[in-house]
Amino acid sequence: MFRGYAWSYFAYHADQRMKTFNFFLVAAGLFAGGVTTMLRDGGDPRWVCPLGIVLTLLSLTFWKLDQRNRHLVRNAEAALKYLDTLHEFPHQDGVPHVLRIFDRDDYFSERAQMFPLTQGRFSYTKCLGVVFALFALLGLFFAVGSLVIHKPPPMKTQPCATAPFAAGPL
């Protein structure tokens, strides 16, 4: 009973995490694509700065949502690990039993090399964090770049014309 509940909780929040990330990719891709298309097609560059800021804020917001989803997934993992300890699954050659899925994953993850990159381990948290950071930096690049590249034209000053005052009492 509890295992089914914990597994459903895990599956739901892990799926929610991936769906949230996919939605972010679509939204951020539309913003980034819109900015580059606007710049390429000669659109009004004054829109680049606000769109870049929105892209950065969107990245930060989805990063925080991902942190929350990750926390919920970790809650489920902890429950499943606890439920696994209630069963006597012996270690095999010092490695957790194959039915202790999360303990086994932790065991191999802790021993994975970080380099070379082809044999190292990349967690979802790190990979998603890199994507969020890249889009946030891209948004800042658009915002700052639009201010540096597109300087508003200088204001033309016109000489003030003085109107002759009418003589006499008011």
C-alpha atoms as a PDB file:
ATOM      1  CA  MET A   1       0.000   0.000   0.000  1.00  0.00           C
ATOM      2  CA  PHE A   2       2.636   2.557   1.035  1.00  0.00           C
ATOM      3  CA  ARG A   3       4.988   1.502  -1.734  1.00  0.00           C
ATOM      4  CA  GLY A   4       2.305   2.115  -4.362  1.00  0.00           C
ATOM      5  CA  TYR A   5       1.574   5.531  -2.871  1.00  0.00           C
ATOM      6  CA  ALA A   6       5.259   6.488  -2.705  1.00  0.00           C
ATOM      7  CA  TRP A   7       5.918   5.231  -6.230  1.00  0.00           C
ATOM      8  CA  SER A   8       2.913   7.125  -7.626  1.00  0.00           C
ATOM      9  CA  TYR A   9       4.084  10.267  -5.811  1.00  0.00           C
ATOM     10  CA  PHE A  10       7.572   9.828  -7.280  1.00  0.00           C
ATOM     11  CA  ALA A  11       6.305   9.157 -10.811  1.00  0.00           C
ATOM     12  CA  TYR A  12       3.912  12.112 -10.724  1.00  0.00           C
ATOM     13  CA  HIS A  13       6.485  14.662  -9.569  1.00  0.00           C
ATOM     14  CA  ALA A  14       9.274  13.320 -11.785  1.00  0.00           C
ATOM     15  CA  ASP A  15       6.912  13.589 -14.762  1.00  0.00           C
ATOM     16  CA  GLN A  16       5.837  17.060 -13.636  1.00  0.00           C
ATOM     17  CA  ARG A  17       9.481  18.120 -13.505  1.00  0.00           C
ATOM     18  CA  MET A  18      10.096  17.031 -17.091  1.00  0.00           C
ATOM     19  CA  LYS A  19       6.867  18.611 -18.350  1.00  0.00           C
ATOM     20  CA  THR A  20       7.750  21.895 -16.655  1.00  0.00           C
ATOM     21  CA  PHE A  21      11.186  21.838 -18.255  1.00  0.00           C
ATOM     22  CA  ASN A  22       9.698  21.059 -21.681  1.00  0.00           C
ATOM     23  CA  PHE A  23       7.282  23.966 -21.305  1.00  0.00           C
ATOM     24  CA  PHE A  24      10.210  26.211 -20.373  1.00  0.00           C
ATOM     25  CA  LEU A  25      12.125  25.131 -23.478  1.00  0.00           C
ATOM     26  CA  VAL A  26       9.169  25.984 -25.704  1.00  0.00           C
ATOM     27  CA  ALA A  27       8.537  29.366 -24.049  1.00  0.00           C
ATOM     28  CA  ALA A  28      12.211  30.368 -23.884  1.00  0.00           C
ATOM     29  CA  GLY A  29      12.773  29.177 -27.444  1.00  0.00           C
ATOM     30  CA  LEU A  30       9.896  31.340 -28.652  1.00  0.00           C
ATOM     31  CA  PHE A  31      11.283  34.401 -26.867  1.00  0.00           C
ATOM     32  CA  ALA A  32      14.846  33.841 -28.090  1.00  0.00           C
ATOM     33  CA  GLY A  33      13.658  33.036 -31.605  1.00  0.00           C
ATOM     34  CA  GLY A  34      11.394  36.072 -31.624  1.00  0.00           C
ATOM     35  CA  VAL A  35      14.230  38.377 -30.628  1.00  0.00           C
ATOM     36  CA  THR A  36      16.631  37.001 -33.216  1.00  0.00           C
ATOM     37  CA  THR A  37      13.964  37.103 -35.936  1.00  0.00           C
ATOM     38  CA  MET A  38      13.104  40.681 -35.021  1.00  0.00           C
ATOM     39  CA  LEU A  39      16.757  41.704 -35.191  1.00  0.00           C
ATOM     40  CA  ARG A  40      17.301  39.872 -38.471  1.00  0.00           C
ATOM     41  CA  ASP A  41      14.208  41.303 -40.155  1.00  0.00           C
ATOM     42  CA  GLY A  42      14.862  44.872 -39.050  1.00  0.00           C
ATOM     43  CA  GLY A  43      12.168  45.109 -36.388  1.00  0.00           C
ATOM     44  CA  ASP A  44      12.092  47.808 -33.761  1.00  0.00           C
ATOM     45  CA  PRO A  45      15.175  47.170 -31.601  1.00  0.00           C
ATOM     46  CA  ARG A  46      13.579  48.916 -28.634  1.00  0.00           C
ATOM     47  CA  TRP A  47      11.677  45.671 -27.997  1.00  0.00           C
ATOM     48  CA  VAL A  48      14.871  43.642 -27.625  1.00  0.00           C
ATOM     49  CA  CYS A  49      15.716  44.942 -24.144  1.00  0.00           C
ATOM     50  CA  PRO A  50      12.308  44.182 -22.546  1.00  0.00           C
ATOM     51  CA  LEU A  51      12.127  40.784 -24.247  1.00  0.00           C
ATOM     52  CA  GLY A  52      15.634  39.971 -23.020  1.00  0.00           C
ATOM     53  CA  ILE A  53      14.648  40.905 -19.476  1.00  0.00           C
ATOM     54  CA  VAL A  54      11.514  38.744 -19.737  1.00  0.00           C
ATOM     55  CA  LEU A  55      13.635  35.819 -20.981  1.00  0.00           C
ATOM     56  CA  THR A  56      15.961  36.204 -17.989  1.00  0.00           C
ATOM     57  CA  LEU A  57      13.049  36.412 -15.533  1.00  0.00           C
ATOM     58  CA  LEU A  58      11.388  33.423 -17.205  1.00  0.00           C
ATOM     59  CA  SER A  59      14.592  31.415 -16.761  1.00  0.00           C
ATOM     60  CA  LEU A  60      14.888  32.343 -13.092  1.00  0.00           C
ATOM     61  CA  THR A  61      11.223  31.533 -12.437  1.00  0.00           C
ATOM     62  CA  PHE A  62      11.409  28.124 -14.064  1.00  0.00           C
ATOM     63  CA  TRP A  63      14.684  27.401 -12.266  1.00  0.00           C
ATOM     64  CA  LYS A  64      12.909  28.003  -8.942  1.00  0.00           C
ATOM     65  CA  LEU A  65       9.992  25.799 -10.070  1.00  0.00           C
ATOM     66  CA  ASP A  66      12.488  23.080 -10.942  1.00  0.00           C
ATOM     67  CA  GLN A  67      14.028  23.334  -7.478  1.00  0.00           C
ATOM     68  CA  ARG A  68      10.588  22.806  -5.950  1.00  0.00           C
ATOM     69  CA  ASN A  69       9.853  19.839  -8.218  1.00  0.00           C
ATOM     70  CA  ARG A  70      13.267  18.360  -7.419  1.00  0.00           C
ATOM     71  CA  HIS A  71      12.512  18.643  -3.706  1.00  0.00           C
ATOM     72  CA  LEU A  72       9.229  16.762  -4.170  1.00  0.00           C
ATOM     73  CA  VAL A  73      10.979  14.027  -6.170  1.00  0.00           C
ATOM     74  CA  ARG A  74      13.618  13.698  -3.441  1.00  0.00           C
ATOM     75  CA  ASN A  75      10.853  13.297  -0.840  1.00  0.00           C
ATOM     76  CA  ALA A  76       9.500  10.345  -2.795  1.00  0.00           C
ATOM     77  CA  GLU A  77      12.980   8.863  -3.213  1.00  0.00           C
ATOM     78  CA  ALA A  78      13.520   9.022   0.551  1.00  0.00           C
ATOM     79  CA  ALA A  79      10.210   7.242   1.174  1.00  0.00           C
ATOM     80  CA  LEU A  80      11.036   4.521  -1.349  1.00  0.00           C
ATOM     81  CA  LYS A  81      14.513   4.050   0.121  1.00  0.00           C
ATOM     82  CA  TYR A  82      12.978   3.646   3.559  1.00  0.00           C
ATOM     83  CA  LEU A  83      10.478   1.091   2.268  1.00  0.00           C
ATOM     84  CA  ASP A  84      13.341  -0.797   0.611  1.00  0.00           C
ATOM     85  CA  THR A  85      15.111  -1.094   3.973  1.00  0.00           C
ATOM     86  CA  LEU A  86      12.097  -2.981   5.359  1.00  0.00           C
ATOM     87  CA  HIS A  87      12.989  -5.937   3.122  1.00  0.00           C
ATOM     88  CA  GLU A  88      16.017  -8.154   3.545  1.00  0.00           C
ATOM     89  CA  PHE A  89      17.721  -7.809   0.186  1.00  0.00           C
ATOM     90  CA  PRO A  90      21.359  -8.845   0.659  1.00  0.00           C
ATOM     91  CA  HIS A  91      24.189  -6.911  -0.928  1.00  0.00           C
ATOM     92  CA  GLN A  92      25.930  -8.729  -3.751  1.00  0.00           C
ATOM     93  CA  ASP A  93      29.720  -8.266  -3.698  1.00  0.00           C
ATOM     94  CA  GLY A  94      29.297  -5.096  -1.635  1.00  0.00           C
ATOM     95  CA  VAL A  95      26.808  -3.635  -4.128  1.00  0.00           C
ATOM     96  CA  PRO A  96      23.166  -3.019  -3.151  1.00  0.00           C
ATOM     97  CA  HIS A  97      20.693  -5.602  -4.435  1.00  0.00           C
ATOM     98  CA  VAL A  98      19.126  -4.888  -7.836  1.00  0.00           C
ATOM     99  CA  LEU A  99      15.690  -4.463  -6.245  1.00  0.00           C
ATOM    100  CA  ARG A 100      16.984  -1.590  -4.099  1.00  0.00           C
ATOM    101  CA  ILE A 101      16.894   0.708  -7.097  1.00  0.00           C
ATOM    102  CA  PHE A 102      17.666   4.029  -5.434  1.00  0.00           C
ATOM    103  CA  ASP A 103      20.399   2.672  -3.150  1.00  0.00           C
ATOM    104  CA  ARG A 104      22.002   0.972  -6.129  1.00  0.00           C
ATOM    105  CA  ASP A 105      21.857   4.171  -8.169  1.00  0.00           C
ATOM    106  CA  ASP A 106      23.410   6.139  -5.297  1.00  0.00           C
ATOM    107  CA  TYR A 107      26.154   3.529  -4.972  1.00  0.00           C
ATOM    108  CA  PHE A 108      27.166   3.751  -8.629  1.00  0.00           C
ATOM    109  CA  SER A 109      26.664   7.523  -8.840  1.00  0.00           C
ATOM    110  CA  GLU A 110      29.040   8.132  -5.947  1.00  0.00           C
ATOM    111  CA  ARG A 111      31.694   6.065  -7.686  1.00  0.00           C
ATOM    112  CA  ALA A 112      31.253   7.550 -11.159  1.00  0.00           C
ATOM    113  CA  GLN A 113      34.123   9.607 -12.471  1.00  0.00           C
ATOM    114  CA  MET A 114      33.491  13.210 -13.307  1.00  0.00           C
ATOM    115  CA  PHE A 115      36.113  13.162 -16.074  1.00  0.00           C
ATOM    116  CA  PRO A 116      36.476  12.252 -18.835  1.00  0.00           C
ATOM    117  CA  LEU A 117      33.132  13.693 -19.810  1.00  0.00           C
ATOM    118  CA  THR A 118      32.079  10.650 -21.810  1.00  0.00           C
ATOM    119  CA  GLN A 119      32.239   8.405 -18.735  1.00  0.00           C
ATOM    120  CA  GLY A 120      31.175  10.903 -16.102  1.00  0.00           C
ATOM    121  CA  ARG A 121      27.783  11.375 -14.541  1.00  0.00           C
ATOM    122  CA  PHE A 122      25.493  14.287 -15.232  1.00  0.00           C
ATOM    123  CA  SER A 123      22.523  14.737 -12.935  1.00  0.00           C
ATOM    124  CA  TYR A 124      19.241  16.183 -14.132  1.00  0.00           C
ATOM    125  CA  THR A 125      19.687  19.006 -11.648  1.00  0.00           C
ATOM    126  CA  LYS A 126      23.035  20.057 -13.093  1.00  0.00           C
ATOM    127  CA  CYS A 127      21.974  19.689 -16.722  1.00  0.00           C
ATOM    128  CA  LEU A 128      18.727  21.578 -16.263  1.00  0.00           C
ATOM    129  CA  GLY A 129      20.527  24.238 -14.234  1.00  0.00           C
ATOM    130  CA  VAL A 130      22.992  24.776 -17.084  1.00  0.00           C
ATOM    131  CA  VAL A 131      20.131  25.238 -19.556  1.00  0.00           C
ATOM    132  CA  PHE A 132      18.334  27.700 -17.253  1.00  0.00           C
ATOM    133  CA  ALA A 133      21.572  29.642 -16.756  1.00  0.00           C
ATOM    134  CA  LEU A 134      22.323  29.760 -20.491  1.00  0.00           C
ATOM    135  CA  PHE A 135      18.889  31.145 -21.321  1.00  0.00           C
ATOM    136  CA  ALA A 136      19.133  33.674 -18.464  1.00  0.00           C
ATOM    137  CA  LEU A 137      22.515  34.829 -19.789  1.00  0.00           C
ATOM    138  CA  LEU A 138      21.130  34.964 -23.321  1.00  0.00           C
ATOM    139  CA  GLY A 139      18.327  37.214 -22.070  1.00  0.00           C
ATOM    140  CA  LEU A 140      20.836  39.481 -20.332  1.00  0.00           C
ATOM    141  CA  PHE A 141      22.950  39.524 -23.483  1.00  0.00           C
ATOM    142  CA  PHE A 142      19.929  40.614 -25.520  1.00  0.00           C
ATOM    143  CA  ALA A 143      18.943  43.275 -22.977  1.00  0.00           C
ATOM    144  CA  VAL A 144      22.394  44.784 -22.476  1.00  0.00           C
ATOM    145  CA  GLY A 145      23.403  44.337 -26.098  1.00  0.00           C
ATOM    146  CA  SER A 146      20.338  46.191 -27.320  1.00  0.00           C
ATOM    147  CA  LEU A 147      21.185  49.147 -25.097  1.00  0.00           C
ATOM    148  CA  VAL A 148      24.811  49.218 -26.229  1.00  0.00           C
ATOM    149  CA  ILE A 149      24.213  48.643 -29.924  1.00  0.00           C
ATOM    150  CA  HIS A 150      21.037  50.662 -30.355  1.00  0.00           C
ATOM    151  CA  LYS A 151      21.704  54.097 -29.034  1.00  0.00           C
ATOM    152  CA  PRO A 152      18.785  56.456 -29.440  1.00  0.00           C
ATOM    153  CA  PRO A 153      19.437  59.251 -31.903  1.00  0.00           C
ATOM    154  CA  PRO A 154      20.554  62.494 -30.285  1.00  0.00           C
ATOM    155  CA  MET A 155      17.807  65.014 -29.759  1.00  0.00           C
ATOM    156  CA  LYS A 156      17.914  67.920 -32.128  1.00  0.00           C
ATOM    157  CA  THR A 157      17.832  71.230 -30.402  1.00  0.00           C
ATOM    158  CA  GLN A 158      16.021  74.037 -32.077  1.00  0.00           C
ATOM    159  CA  PRO A 159      16.660  77.645 -31.277  1.00  0.00           C
ATOM    160  CA  CYS A 160      13.967  79.195 -29.173  1.00  0.00           C
ATOM    161  CA  ALA A 161      11.978  81.800 -30.965  1.00  0.00           C
ATOM    162  CA  THR A 162      11.092  84.711 -28.783  1.00  0.00           C
ATOM    163  CA  ALA A 163       7.781  86.285 -29.426  1.00  0.00           C
ATOM    164  CA  PRO A 164       7.603  90.030 -29.129  1.00  0.00           C
ATOM    165  CA  PHE A 165       5.702  91.141 -26.075  1.00  0.00           C
ATOM    166  CA  ALA A 166       2.786  93.396 -26.546  1.00  0.00           C
ATOM    167  CA  ALA A 167       3.351  96.758 -25.040  1.00  0.00           C
ATOM    168  CA  GLY A 168       0.857  98.073 -22.662  1.00  0.00           C
ATOM    169  CA  PRO A 169      -0.912  97.215 -19.471  1.00  0.00           C
ATOM    170  CA  LEU A 170      -2.311  93.784 -18.850  1.00  0.00           C
END
